[in-house]
């Protein structure tokens, strides 16, 4: 598992061998949301709303980092 970004009350994580579509997890103390990298579509809601919005703002500015880490973690050999 790669922690891509850490903020006060939320984290963005990408898990190895995770299923498609390429996505990341936003974790907060209240829950977790899945977000598709392409288009930043929220696939599952569970994270606290304000933290999720902040994570999406961060993700919008760092798409190449998210893609790079997703491919590193999900490379099929």
Protein backbone atom coordinates (compact mmCIF):
# COMPACT_ATOMS: atom_id res chain seq x y z
CA UNK A 1 0.00 0.00 0.00
CA UNK A 2 1.24 3.44 -0.86
CA UNK A 3 0.21 6.51 1.08
CA UNK A 4 0.21 9.14 -1.64
CA UNK A 5 -0.64 12.14 0.52
CA UNK A 6 -1.26 12.78 4.20
CA UNK A 7 -3.14 15.77 5.56
CA UNK A 8 -4.43 16.55 9.05
CA UNK A 9 -7.55 14.41 8.93
CA UNK A 10 -7.38 12.58 5.59
CA UNK A 11 -5.06 10.35 3.61
CA UNK A 12 -4.93 9.29 -0.02
CA UNK A 13 -3.87 5.67 -0.44
CA UNK A 14 -3.42 3.32 -3.38
CA UNK A 15 -3.40 -0.43 -2.76
CA UNK A 16 -1.39 -3.00 -4.71
CA UNK A 17 -3.28 -5.40 -6.96
CA UNK A 18 -6.48 -3.39 -6.54
CA UNK A 19 -9.25 -3.91 -9.08
CA UNK A 20 -9.97 -1.63 -12.04
CA UNK A 21 -10.95 1.06 -12.74
CA UNK A 22 -7.80 2.84 -11.54
CA UNK A 23 -8.74 4.55 -8.30
CA UNK A 24 -7.50 5.74 -4.94
CA UNK A 25 -8.89 5.62 -1.42
CA UNK A 26 -9.56 8.70 0.69
CA UNK A 27 -9.44 7.72 4.34
CA UNK A 28 -10.73 9.85 7.20
CA UNK A 29 -11.46 9.01 10.83
CA UNK A 30 -15.15 8.74 9.84
CA UNK A 31 -14.79 6.42 6.85
CA UNK A 32 -13.35 5.82 3.42
CA UNK A 33 -14.29 6.80 -0.13
CA UNK A 34 -13.07 5.43 -3.44
CA UNK A 35 -12.33 7.87 -6.24
CA UNK A 36 -11.68 6.99 -9.87
CA UNK A 37 -8.48 8.67 -11.06
CA UNK A 38 -9.86 9.42 -14.51
CA UNK A 39 -12.32 12.27 -13.98
CA UNK A 40 -12.13 12.08 -10.15
CA UNK A 41 -15.53 10.41 -9.96
CA UNK A 42 -16.42 9.35 -6.42
CA UNK A 43 -17.26 5.63 -6.57
CA UNK A 44 -18.09 5.07 -2.93
CA UNK A 45 -18.84 7.56 -0.19
CA UNK A 46 -17.82 7.08 3.40
CA UNK A 47 -15.23 9.76 4.06
CA UNK A 48 -16.25 12.95 5.81
CA UNK A 49 -17.48 15.46 3.22
CA UNK A 50 -15.13 18.36 3.86
CA UNK A 51 -12.09 16.08 3.94
CA UNK A 52 -13.21 14.37 0.72
CA UNK A 53 -13.52 17.76 -1.01
CA UNK A 54 -10.03 18.73 0.17
CA UNK A 55 -8.63 15.43 -1.10
CA UNK A 56 -10.28 15.99 -4.48
CA UNK A 57 -8.73 19.46 -4.71
CA UNK A 58 -5.32 17.93 -4.00
CA UNK A 59 -5.90 15.11 -6.51
CA UNK A 60 -6.95 17.57 -9.22
CA UNK A 61 -3.49 19.18 -8.92
CA UNK A 62 -1.55 15.88 -8.87
CA UNK A 63 -2.98 13.55 -11.55
CA UNK A 64 0.39 12.39 -12.88
CA UNK A 65 1.50 11.36 -9.39
CA UNK A 66 -1.71 9.39 -8.84
CA UNK A 67 -1.36 7.59 -12.20
CA UNK A 68 2.32 6.81 -11.64
CA UNK A 69 1.73 5.31 -8.21
CA UNK A 70 -1.35 3.38 -9.34
CA UNK A 71 0.64 1.76 -12.16
CA UNK A 72 3.56 1.01 -9.83
CA UNK A 73 1.24 -0.65 -7.33
CA UNK A 74 -0.84 -2.51 -9.91
CA UNK A 75 1.76 -3.63 -12.42
CA UNK A 76 1.04 -7.07 -13.76
CA UNK A 77 4.23 -9.10 -14.28
